[in-house]
Amino acid sequence: MASSVSLSLVGFLVFLVAAEGFGGGGGGGSPVDMSVMEQEELFGLFEVMGSLLEDPNWAQMHPLPCTDTPWPGVECEVGQETETPIFHVTKIHVGPDILTPPCKSSAQISPSLLKLPYLKTLSLINCFTKSSVSLSKTLFGSLSSLENLVLESNPSLSGEIPSTLSNITSLKVLCLLQNSLNGEIPKEIGRLVNLQQIDISYNNLSGSIPEEIGGLESLSILDLSWNSLQGVVPYSMGNLQFLEKIDLSWNILQGRIPSDLGKLKRLVLLDLSHNSLEGPIPENLSGLEQLQYLIMEGNPINTEIPSFIGALMKLTVLSFSGCGLTGPIRSTISSLQNLTALSLDNNSLSGTVPKELGTLPNINTLNLSQNQLSGELLFPEDFFIRLGQRLDTRGNKGLSINQQPQNKKTSTRFPATNKTLSEDHQDDDSQKTKPTLYNGNLSSNTHGLHQNFVFPGLIFLFSCWAPDFSAYY
């Protein structure tokens, strides 16, 4: 309390000094025009920044943050509620792109945020690393103008996601990735009818995915990956007609994939990998006309390769590693002319490898290892040369190659490991950071299978708080 009062007093004195200078100074100068910024709002900003930043002189250095003494992480807009224009704080962003380190070790989320009633964006990245912080039910149910809430890479941010977030009906982006949040996803989240993006990946969430999530009719990005979510994939997701990305990977989901997902005509990425989902894969998924990334690896599908795969003409990445697949490799896969990566390793596939796979013009990764394939591998020589070590056929005792490429520097085998591409990243925590985009600045760190397969365009298309999607496909 004492520090808060002291900060307010400092802010008030700074304001008076700035006000005198702003008013022109001298005996003949008129008093400052208080309409530049409301005093309560200015003091609130001082208190919020004081609770976050190591710099004790922030208020003194930025007494007029909306006009004469700006700071790159604070943005303001001019309100029209009075005849005389008044500046209001609409954005606070604190992150490594502003300061290194951005926050003090005792950083907290100040309740003085309530003194900023026009705040639209709150973005705090890598801020809470030591001090224990949780999301206040009262505070995060009262920020009525908030549109973008981004709390990312904060290891000491723990506790539950408050159900009162549902009161912020203006919210469009909810990005809580890579924190230490626990508990269940509140079913009240279904009330956020204007929500366009949810990314709460890389936390410790448990329980089931609420059916109420199907009420988020404006949602385009849904990322719940890297948690401990259980139960089934809700059928209600089929109602989300604007969805372009679904990532539920690395959870404990069970049961079958809902056939209603086939209704999502705009879906570009479907990642259900590393769960306990069972087959068969519903034929309705053939309706995913825009799908480019289908990642199912690490699930006990235990069926043949779906017959409809060849109809997903825009597929660029297809992974069924470790899914218990049986039967032959379908030659219809060769109709996927945009395919760049195909991973069918660690299954029980049998029969010959269709020579038509060697005609895929854009493929650069083909993993057929650890199956029961047999016969000759009848790929053109230039195919062997082009893929080199990105062609893996190990662990198929009955498989032979009809010709060896002339270039001795190339190989049809990955030299070091039998692990699937996604398993490689499990041992490296540094790869758990997803790509993010703030103010046009891209952090290109990727994770998991996405990095190994090098998904072109995915970094831009599916960043948390991303730009207009339509420009990227």
Protein backbone atom coordinates (compact mmCIF):
# COMPACT_ATOMS: atom_id res chain seq x y z
CA MET A 1 0.00 0.00 0.00
CA ALA A 2 2.80 2.43 0.94
CA SER A 3 4.57 1.90 -2.36
CA SER A 4 1.32 2.45 -4.24
CA VAL A 5 0.65 5.71 -2.42
CA SER A 6 4.22 6.83 -2.99
CA LEU A 7 3.97 6.07 -6.68
CA SER A 8 0.72 8.00 -6.92
CA LEU A 9 2.28 10.97 -5.20
CA VAL A 10 5.28 10.88 -7.50
CA GLY A 11 2.99 10.62 -10.46
CA PHE A 12 0.94 13.54 -9.24
CA LEU A 13 4.01 15.74 -8.75
CA VAL A 14 5.35 14.73 -12.15
CA PHE A 15 2.00 15.55 -13.66
CA LEU A 16 1.99 19.01 -12.08
CA VAL A 17 5.49 19.74 -13.31
CA ALA A 18 4.61 18.55 -16.80
CA ALA A 19 1.36 20.47 -16.68
CA GLU A 20 3.10 23.71 -15.87
CA GLY A 21 5.50 23.25 -18.75
CA PHE A 22 2.73 22.23 -21.09
CA GLY A 23 0.76 25.33 -20.20
CA GLY A 24 3.49 27.55 -21.56
CA GLY A 25 5.24 28.52 -18.32
CA GLY A 26 5.88 32.10 -17.26
CA GLY A 27 3.51 34.47 -15.55
CA GLY A 28 1.37 35.00 -18.64
CA GLY A 29 0.90 31.31 -19.49
CA SER A 30 -2.54 29.80 -19.25
CA PRO A 31 -3.10 26.71 -17.04
CA VAL A 32 -2.59 23.31 -18.61
CA ASP A 33 -5.48 21.95 -20.64
CA MET A 34 -6.48 18.99 -18.44
CA SER A 35 -8.40 17.54 -21.36
CA VAL A 36 -5.14 16.15 -22.80
CA MET A 37 -5.52 13.17 -20.44
CA GLU A 38 -7.69 12.56 -17.44
CA GLN A 39 -5.78 12.66 -14.17
CA GLU A 40 -7.24 9.40 -12.81
CA GLU A 41 -6.32 7.54 -15.98
CA LEU A 42 -2.78 8.95 -16.04
CA PHE A 43 -2.18 7.96 -12.43
CA GLY A 44 -3.58 4.52 -13.18
CA LEU A 45 -1.05 4.09 -15.98
CA PHE A 46 1.79 5.16 -13.67
CA GLU A 47 0.71 2.57 -11.12
CA VAL A 48 0.37 -0.22 -13.68
CA MET A 49 3.80 0.43 -15.15
CA GLY A 50 5.30 0.78 -11.68
CA SER A 51 4.04 -2.69 -10.77
CA LEU A 52 5.68 -4.18 -13.86
CA LEU A 53 8.90 -2.40 -14.75
CA GLU A 54 12.25 -2.31 -13.02
CA ASP A 55 12.63 1.36 -13.91
CA PRO A 56 11.51 3.50 -10.91
CA ASN A 57 11.76 6.64 -13.02
CA TRP A 58 9.27 5.60 -15.68
CA ALA A 59 6.65 8.16 -14.60
CA GLN A 60 9.22 10.95 -14.51
CA MET A 61 10.55 10.03 -17.95
CA HIS A 62 7.07 9.72 -19.50
CA PRO A 63 4.83 12.28 -17.78
CA LEU A 64 2.81 12.77 -20.97
CA PRO A 65 2.84 9.24 -22.45
CA CYS A 66 0.16 9.98 -25.03
CA THR A 67 1.76 13.11 -26.45
CA ASP A 68 5.15 14.66 -25.70
CA THR A 69 6.91 11.78 -23.90
CA PRO A 70 5.73 8.53 -25.51
CA TRP A 71 6.90 4.99 -24.70
CA PRO A 72 6.89 2.28 -27.40
CA GLY A 73 4.73 -0.13 -25.40
CA VAL A 74 1.95 2.35 -24.68
CA GLU A 75 -0.55 3.53 -27.28
CA CYS A 76 -3.36 6.03 -26.96
CA GLU A 77 -6.37 7.12 -28.95
CA VAL A 78 -8.35 10.32 -28.92
CA GLY A 79 -11.81 9.90 -27.48
CA GLN A 80 -14.84 11.76 -28.82
CA GLU A 81 -17.00 11.63 -25.72
CA THR A 82 -16.53 15.37 -25.02
CA GLU A 83 -16.26 18.48 -27.14
CA THR A 84 -12.60 18.77 -26.22
CA PRO A 85 -10.60 15.71 -27.37
CA ILE A 86 -9.14 13.58 -24.57
CA PHE A 87 -6.40 10.99 -24.94
CA HIS A 88 -7.07 7.52 -23.54
CA VAL A 89 -4.65 4.63 -23.05
CA THR A 90 -5.74 1.81 -25.36
CA LYS A 91 -2.70 -0.50 -25.40
CA ILE A 92 -0.04 -1.70 -22.97
CA HIS A 93 2.59 -4.07 -24.34
CA VAL A 94 5.57 -5.19 -22.28
CA GLY A 95 7.92 -7.76 -23.77
CA PRO A 96 11.49 -8.53 -24.82
CA ASP A 97 11.06 -6.42 -27.95
CA ILE A 98 10.60 -3.37 -25.69
CA LEU A 99 13.04 -4.10 -22.87
CA THR A 100 15.44 -6.84 -21.88
CA PRO A 101 14.48 -7.99 -19.33
CA PRO A 102 11.05 -6.45 -19.65
CA CYS A 103 9.84 -6.73 -16.04
CA LYS A 104 11.21 -6.66 -12.53
CA SER A 105 11.48 -9.89 -10.55
CA SER A 106 8.59 -8.82 -8.28
CA ALA A 107 6.31 -7.86 -11.17
CA GLN A 108 2.58 -8.04 -10.53
CA ILE A 109 -0.63 -7.27 -12.42
CA SER A 110 -1.89 -4.10 -10.82
CA PRO A 111 -5.61 -3.64 -10.02
CA SER A 112 -5.09 -0.09 -11.29
CA LEU A 113 -5.83 -1.53 -14.73
CA LEU A 114 -9.41 -0.71 -13.77
CA LYS A 115 -8.44 2.97 -13.98
CA LEU A 116 -7.85 2.43 -17.71
CA PRO A 117 -11.44 1.93 -18.91
CA TYR A 118 -10.52 2.35 -22.59
CA LEU A 119 -7.79 -0.30 -22.63
CA LYS A 120 -8.19 -2.55 -25.69
CA THR A 121 -4.93 -4.50 -25.63
CA LEU A 122 -2.96 -5.89 -22.71
CA SER A 123 0.14 -7.81 -23.77
CA LEU A 124 2.65 -9.03 -21.17
CA ILE A 125 5.33 -11.39 -22.50
CA ASN A 126 8.11 -13.04 -20.46
CA CYS A 127 7.19 -10.78 -17.58
CA PHE A 128 6.34 -13.04 -14.64
CA THR A 129 9.33 -15.32 -14.23
CA LYS A 130 9.84 -15.39 -10.45
CA SER A 131 7.01 -13.68 -8.62
CA SER A 132 3.85 -15.76 -8.18
CA VAL A 133 0.99 -14.25 -10.19
CA SER A 134 -2.56 -15.39 -10.86
CA LEU A 135 -5.48 -14.03 -12.85
CA SER A 136 -7.83 -12.16 -10.54
CA LYS A 137 -11.50 -13.08 -10.94
CA THR A 138 -12.51 -9.52 -10.13
CA LEU A 139 -9.97 -7.76 -12.30
CA PHE A 140 -10.30 -9.98 -15.37
CA GLY A 141 -14.03 -9.76 -15.29
CA SER A 142 -14.14 -5.97 -15.33
CA LEU A 143 -11.94 -4.84 -18.24
CA SER A 144 -15.00 -4.10 -20.33
CA SER A 145 -13.23 -2.62 -23.38
CA LEU A 146 -10.52 -5.26 -23.71
CA GLU A 147 -10.21 -6.86 -27.16
CA ASN A 148 -6.77 -8.51 -26.98
CA LEU A 149 -5.47 -10.29 -23.89
CA VAL A 150 -1.99 -11.72 -24.47
CA LEU A 151 -0.10 -13.20 -21.52
CA GLU A 152 2.69 -15.32 -22.95
CA SER A 153 5.82 -17.10 -21.69
CA ASN A 154 5.27 -16.33 -18.02
CA PRO A 155 6.45 -19.37 -16.02
CA SER A 156 5.24 -18.01 -12.67
CA LEU A 157 1.75 -17.18 -13.93
CA SER A 158 -0.32 -19.97 -12.41
CA GLY A 159 -3.76 -20.73 -11.07
CA GLU A 160 -6.99 -21.15 -12.97
CA ILE A 161 -8.44 -19.29 -15.92
CA PRO A 162 -11.18 -17.23 -14.25
CA SER A 163 -14.71 -17.88 -15.47
CA THR A 164 -15.33 -14.14 -15.16
CA LEU A 165 -13.38 -13.64 -18.39
CA SER A 166 -16.69 -14.38 -20.02
CA ASN A 167 -17.84 -10.90 -18.90
CA ILE A 168 -15.46 -9.31 -21.40
CA THR A 169 -17.73 -9.80 -24.40
CA SER A 170 -15.57 -7.46 -26.51
CA LEU A 171 -12.65 -9.92 -26.36
CA LYS A 172 -11.36 -11.03 -29.78
CA VAL A 173 -7.97 -12.56 -28.93
CA LEU A 174 -7.28 -14.71 -25.86
CA CYS A 175 -3.64 -15.75 -25.89
CA LEU A 176 -2.41 -17.41 -22.69
CA LEU A 177 0.25 -19.66 -24.14
CA GLN A 178 3.33 -21.01 -22.37
CA ASN A 179 2.43 -20.19 -18.78
CA SER A 180 1.78 -22.45 -15.76
CA LEU A 181 -2.01 -22.22 -15.70
CA ASN A 182 -3.90 -25.19 -14.30
CA GLY A 183 -7.44 -26.34 -13.66
CA GLU A 184 -10.13 -26.74 -16.28
CA ILE A 185 -11.15 -24.58 -19.22
CA PRO A 186 -14.22 -22.73 -17.90
CA LYS A 187 -17.39 -23.60 -19.78
CA GLU A 188 -18.37 -19.92 -19.56
CA ILE A 189 -15.82 -19.28 -22.29
CA GLY A 190 -18.62 -20.07 -24.73
CA ARG A 191 -20.14 -16.67 -24.00
CA LEU A 192 -17.29 -14.82 -25.73
CA VAL A 193 -19.19 -14.57 -28.98
CA ASN A 194 -16.73 -12.11 -30.54
CA LEU A 195 -13.67 -14.26 -29.85
CA GLN A 196 -11.60 -14.97 -32.96
CA GLN A 197 -8.50 -16.61 -31.50
CA ILE A 198 -7.84 -18.86 -28.50
CA ASP A 199 -4.33 -20.03 -27.76
CA ILE A 200 -3.85 -21.52 -24.30
CA SER A 201 -1.21 -24.05 -25.32
CA TYR A 202 1.76 -25.10 -23.18
CA ASN A 203 0.05 -24.94 -19.78
CA ASN A 204 -1.06 -27.54 -17.22
CA LEU A 205 -4.78 -27.55 -18.00
CA SER A 206 -6.80 -30.65 -17.26
CA GLY A 207 -10.40 -31.82 -17.52
CA SER A 208 -12.37 -31.94 -20.75
CA ILE A 209 -12.80 -29.49 -23.60
CA PRO A 210 -16.20 -27.88 -22.86
CA GLU A 211 -18.99 -28.44 -25.37
CA GLU A 212 -19.79 -24.74 -24.97
CA ILE A 213 -16.76 -23.96 -27.11
CA GLY A 214 -19.04 -24.65 -30.06
CA GLY A 215 -20.78 -21.35 -29.36
CA LEU A 216 -17.77 -19.29 -30.43
CA GLU A 217 -19.10 -18.71 -33.93
CA SER A 218 -16.42 -16.14 -34.86
CA LEU A 219 -13.47 -18.35 -33.91
CA SER A 220 -10.74 -18.86 -36.51
CA ILE A 221 -7.85 -20.20 -34.39
CA LEU A 222 -8.16 -22.81 -31.64
CA ASP A 223 -4.93 -24.01 -30.02
CA LEU A 224 -5.17 -26.10 -26.86
CA SER A 225 -2.03 -28.14 -27.46
CA TRP A 226 0.52 -29.27 -24.85
CA ASN A 227 -1.83 -29.61 -21.89
CA SER A 228 -3.37 -32.60 -20.09
CA LEU A 229 -6.88 -32.34 -21.48
CA GLN A 230 -8.95 -35.52 -21.35
CA GLY A 231 -12.23 -36.78 -22.69
CA VAL A 232 -13.40 -36.54 -26.28
CA VAL A 233 -13.11 -33.95 -29.01
CA PRO A 234 -16.48 -32.11 -28.81
CA TYR A 235 -18.84 -32.55 -31.73
CA SER A 236 -19.82 -28.91 -31.24
CA MET A 237 -16.56 -27.85 -32.92
CA GLY A 238 -18.31 -28.63 -36.18
CA ASN A 239 -20.36 -25.46 -35.63
CA LEU A 240 -17.29 -23.21 -35.91
CA GLN A 241 -17.55 -22.40 -39.60
CA PHE A 242 -14.74 -19.82 -39.55
CA LEU A 243 -12.12 -22.14 -38.04
CA GLU A 244 -8.85 -22.23 -39.95
CA LYS A 245 -6.63 -23.89 -37.35
CA ILE A 246 -7.32 -26.64 -34.81
CA ASP A 247 -4.37 -27.79 -32.72
CA LEU A 248 -5.23 -30.24 -29.93
CA SER A 249 -1.92 -32.11 -30.02
CA TRP A 250 -0.06 -33.48 -26.99
CA ASN A 251 -3.05 -34.02 -24.71
CA ILE A 252 -4.81 -37.18 -23.43
CA LEU A 253 -7.91 -37.03 -25.64
CA GLN A 254 -9.72 -40.28 -26.33
CA GLY A 255 -12.51 -41.68 -28.45
CA ARG A 256 -13.14 -41.06 -32.14
CA ILE A 257 -12.65 -37.98 -34.24
CA PRO A 258 -16.04 -36.26 -34.66
CA SER A 259 -17.41 -36.53 -38.17
CA ASP A 260 -18.76 -32.99 -37.77
CA LEU A 261 -15.24 -31.64 -38.27
CA GLY A 262 -15.82 -32.34 -41.95
CA LYS A 263 -18.12 -29.31 -42.04
CA LEU A 264 -15.23 -26.90 -41.49
CA LYS A 265 -14.77 -25.74 -45.07
CA ARG A 266 -12.14 -23.12 -44.15
CA LEU A 267 -9.91 -25.39 -42.08
CA VAL A 268 -6.26 -25.21 -43.13
CA LEU A 269 -4.56 -27.04 -40.25
CA LEU A 270 -5.82 -30.01 -38.23
CA ASP A 271 -3.32 -31.29 -35.67
CA LEU A 272 -4.64 -34.03 -33.37
CA SER A 273 -1.29 -35.74 -32.88
CA HIS A 274 -0.08 -37.44 -29.71
CA ASN A 275 -3.39 -38.24 -28.07
CA SER A 276 -5.26 -41.55 -27.68
CA LEU A 277 -7.75 -41.08 -30.51
CA GLU A 278 -9.09 -44.19 -32.22
CA GLY A 279 -10.09 -44.99 -35.76
CA PRO A 280 -11.62 -45.15 -38.15
CA ILE A 281 -11.08 -41.61 -39.39
CA PRO A 282 -14.49 -40.37 -40.56
CA GLU A 283 -15.05 -40.13 -44.31
CA ASN A 284 -16.66 -36.73 -43.73
CA LEU A 285 -13.18 -35.23 -43.45
CA SER A 286 -13.09 -35.45 -47.23
CA GLY A 287 -15.07 -32.20 -47.10
CA LEU A 288 -12.07 -30.26 -45.79
CA GLU A 289 -11.38 -28.64 -49.13
CA GLN A 290 -8.85 -26.07 -47.83
CA LEU A 291 -6.89 -28.44 -45.60
CA GLN A 292 -3.12 -28.15 -46.02
CA TYR A 293 -1.80 -29.77 -42.82
CA LEU A 294 -3.21 -33.05 -41.50
CA ILE A 295 -1.17 -34.30 -38.55
CA MET A 296 -2.44 -37.42 -36.81
CA GLU A 297 0.75 -39.09 -35.59
CA GLY A 298 0.97 -40.85 -32.26
CA ASN A 299 -2.67 -42.00 -32.05
CA PRO A 300 -3.90 -45.64 -32.01
CA ILE A 301 -5.90 -45.26 -35.23
CA ASN A 302 -5.30 -48.95 -36.12
CA THR A 303 -6.99 -48.88 -39.53
CA GLU A 304 -5.94 -48.59 -43.14
CA ILE A 305 -4.96 -45.26 -44.67
CA PRO A 306 -8.29 -43.45 -45.24
CA SER A 307 -9.56 -43.86 -48.78
CA PHE A 308 -10.49 -40.17 -49.06
CA ILE A 309 -6.94 -38.87 -48.54
CA GLY A 310 -6.38 -38.44 -52.27
CA ALA A 311 -9.32 -36.00 -52.40
CA LEU A 312 -7.66 -33.45 -50.11
CA MET A 313 -5.99 -31.74 -53.02
CA LYS A 314 -4.44 -28.86 -51.08
CA LEU A 315 -2.56 -31.03 -48.58
CA THR A 316 1.08 -30.08 -48.17
CA VAL A 317 1.90 -32.00 -44.98
CA LEU A 318 0.46 -35.42 -44.10
CA SER A 319 1.67 -37.35 -41.05
CA PHE A 320 0.38 -40.71 -39.80
CA SER A 321 3.54 -41.74 -37.92
CA GLY A 322 2.97 -44.32 -35.20
CA CYS A 323 -0.76 -44.73 -35.79
CA GLY A 324 -0.90 -48.54 -36.10
CA LEU A 325 -1.88 -48.28 -39.76
CA THR A 326 -2.27 -51.51 -41.68
CA GLY A 327 -2.77 -52.47 -45.32
CA PRO A 328 -1.15 -50.89 -48.37
CA ILE A 329 0.02 -47.38 -49.15
CA ARG A 330 -2.68 -45.98 -51.41
CA SER A 331 -1.52 -44.89 -54.85
CA THR A 332 -4.12 -42.09 -54.71
CA ILE A 333 -1.69 -40.17 -52.50
CA SER A 334 0.17 -39.38 -55.72
CA SER A 335 -2.69 -37.07 -56.69
CA LEU A 336 -1.65 -34.68 -53.92
CA GLN A 337 0.51 -32.52 -56.11
CA ASN A 338 1.13 -29.91 -53.39
CA LEU A 339 2.47 -32.44 -50.89
CA THR A 340 5.87 -31.50 -49.43
CA ALA A 341 6.09 -33.92 -46.49
CA LEU A 342 4.67 -37.42 -46.07
CA SER A 343 5.33 -39.39 -42.88
CA LEU A 344 4.01 -42.97 -42.63
CA ASP A 345 6.72 -44.43 -40.43
CA ASN A 346 6.34 -46.75 -37.43
CA ASN A 347 3.19 -48.48 -38.64
CA SER A 348 2.35 -51.95 -39.98
CA LEU A 349 1.89 -51.01 -43.62
CA SER A 350 2.46 -53.83 -46.07
CA GLY A 351 2.69 -54.46 -49.79
CA THR A 352 4.71 -52.53 -52.32
CA VAL A 353 5.40 -48.81 -52.38
CA PRO A 354 3.46 -47.18 -55.24
CA LYS A 355 5.92 -45.95 -57.82
CA GLU A 356 3.61 -42.99 -58.40
CA LEU A 357 4.91 -41.41 -55.18
CA GLY A 358 8.11 -40.73 -57.08
CA THR A 359 6.21 -38.36 -59.38
CA LEU A 360 5.16 -35.95 -56.61
CA PRO A 361 6.70 -32.70 -57.82
CA ASN A 362 7.02 -30.84 -54.51
CA ILE A 363 7.76 -33.53 -51.95
CA ASN A 364 10.99 -33.06 -49.98
CA THR A 365 10.45 -35.40 -47.00
CA LEU A 366 9.27 -39.01 -47.29
CA ASN A 367 9.47 -41.30 -44.25
CA LEU A 368 8.38 -44.92 -44.79
CA SER A 369 10.59 -46.49 -42.14
CA GLN A 370 9.66 -49.21 -39.66
CA ASN A 371 6.85 -50.89 -41.60
CA GLN A 372 6.39 -54.26 -43.36
CA LEU A 373 6.79 -53.00 -46.92
CA SER A 374 8.23 -55.26 -49.57
CA GLY A 375 9.17 -55.40 -53.23
CA GLU A 376 11.27 -52.94 -55.21
CA LEU A 377 11.31 -49.21 -54.61
CA LEU A 378 10.73 -48.02 -58.17
CA PHE A 379 11.43 -44.30 -57.85
CA PRO A 380 13.24 -42.32 -60.57
CA GLU A 381 16.91 -41.67 -59.96
CA ASP A 382 16.40 -37.91 -59.75
CA PHE A 383 13.86 -38.52 -56.97
CA PHE A 384 16.52 -40.30 -54.87
CA ILE A 385 18.98 -37.49 -55.55
CA ARG A 386 16.49 -34.74 -54.73
CA LEU A 387 15.42 -36.18 -51.37
CA GLY A 388 18.75 -37.61 -50.24
CA GLN A 389 18.67 -38.22 -46.48
CA ARG A 390 15.09 -36.96 -46.32
CA LEU A 391 13.98 -40.30 -47.78
CA ASP A 392 13.85 -42.94 -45.04
CA THR A 393 13.07 -46.59 -45.86
CA ARG A 394 14.76 -48.34 -42.94
CA GLY A 395 13.12 -51.17 -41.04
CA ASN A 396 11.36 -52.74 -44.05
CA LYS A 397 13.08 -56.11 -44.39
CA GLY A 398 11.39 -57.04 -47.66
CA LEU A 399 12.01 -53.72 -49.39
CA SER A 400 14.75 -53.32 -51.97
CA ILE A 401 15.87 -50.52 -54.26
CA ASN A 402 16.02 -51.18 -57.97
CA GLN A 403 18.83 -48.68 -58.54
CA GLN A 404 21.27 -46.63 -56.52
CA PRO A 405 21.60 -42.95 -57.34
CA GLN A 406 24.77 -41.97 -59.11
CA ASN A 407 25.47 -39.17 -56.65
CA LYS A 408 27.38 -40.96 -53.87
CA LYS A 409 26.77 -38.08 -51.48
CA THR A 410 23.08 -38.86 -51.26
CA SER A 411 21.42 -41.54 -49.18
CA THR A 412 18.01 -43.07 -48.86
CA ARG A 413 18.35 -43.32 -45.11
CA PHE A 414 18.30 -40.91 -42.18
CA PRO A 415 21.67 -41.70 -40.58
CA ALA A 416 21.13 -41.40 -36.84
CA THR A 417 17.73 -42.10 -35.38
CA ASN A 418 14.52 -44.06 -35.68
CA LYS A 419 12.50 -41.49 -33.76
CA THR A 420 9.62 -39.76 -35.49
CA LEU A 421 10.10 -36.14 -36.36
CA SER A 422 7.87 -34.95 -33.54
CA GLU A 423 9.64 -37.07 -30.96
CA ASP A 424 12.88 -35.29 -31.72
CA HIS A 425 11.64 -32.09 -30.13
CA GLN A 426 10.49 -33.65 -26.89
CA ASP A 427 13.96 -33.42 -25.38
CA ASP A 428 14.47 -29.76 -26.23
CA ASP A 429 12.41 -27.31 -24.23
CA SER A 430 13.71 -24.46 -26.35
CA GLN A 431 11.58 -25.76 -29.21
CA LYS A 432 8.34 -25.33 -27.27
CA THR A 433 7.96 -21.69 -28.22
CA LYS A 434 5.39 -21.13 -30.90
CA PRO A 435 5.70 -18.40 -33.51
CA THR A 436 4.20 -15.12 -32.39
CA LEU A 437 3.46 -11.85 -34.11
CA TYR A 438 3.19 -8.54 -32.35
CA ASN A 439 3.06 -5.21 -34.12
CA GLY A 440 4.35 -6.80 -37.28
CA ASN A 441 7.43 -8.25 -35.58
CA LEU A 442 7.77 -11.98 -36.03
CA SER A 443 9.49 -14.36 -33.66
CA SER A 444 10.38 -17.29 -35.86
CA ASN A 445 10.85 -19.92 -33.13
CA THR A 446 8.79 -22.94 -34.00
CA HIS A 447 8.11 -26.22 -32.28
CA GLY A 448 7.78 -29.90 -32.82
CA LEU A 449 6.79 -31.42 -36.11
CA HIS A 450 6.11 -27.96 -37.45
CA GLN A 451 9.78 -27.09 -37.28
CA ASN A 452 11.03 -30.35 -38.75
CA PHE A 453 8.63 -30.20 -41.65
CA VAL A 454 9.19 -26.47 -42.17
CA PHE A 455 5.62 -25.42 -42.81
CA PRO A 456 5.85 -22.49 -45.23
CA GLY A 457 3.38 -19.74 -44.43
CA LEU A 458 2.28 -21.36 -41.18
CA ILE A 459 4.35 -18.97 -39.11
CA PHE A 460 2.45 -16.01 -40.52
CA LEU A 461 -0.93 -17.63 -40.90
CA PHE A 462 -1.29 -19.06 -37.43
CA SER A 463 0.59 -16.70 -35.17
CA CYS A 464 -1.25 -15.66 -32.05
CA TRP A 465 -2.70 -12.24 -32.80
CA ALA A 466 -2.16 -12.68 -36.53
CA PRO A 467 -2.97 -10.32 -39.41
CA ASP A 468 -5.65 -10.82 -42.04
CA PHE A 469 -5.41 -14.51 -43.01
CA SER A 470 -6.68 -14.17 -46.55
CA ALA A 471 -3.41 -12.68 -47.75
CA TYR A 472 -1.49 -15.89 -47.13
CA TYR A 473 -3.31 -18.41 -49.31
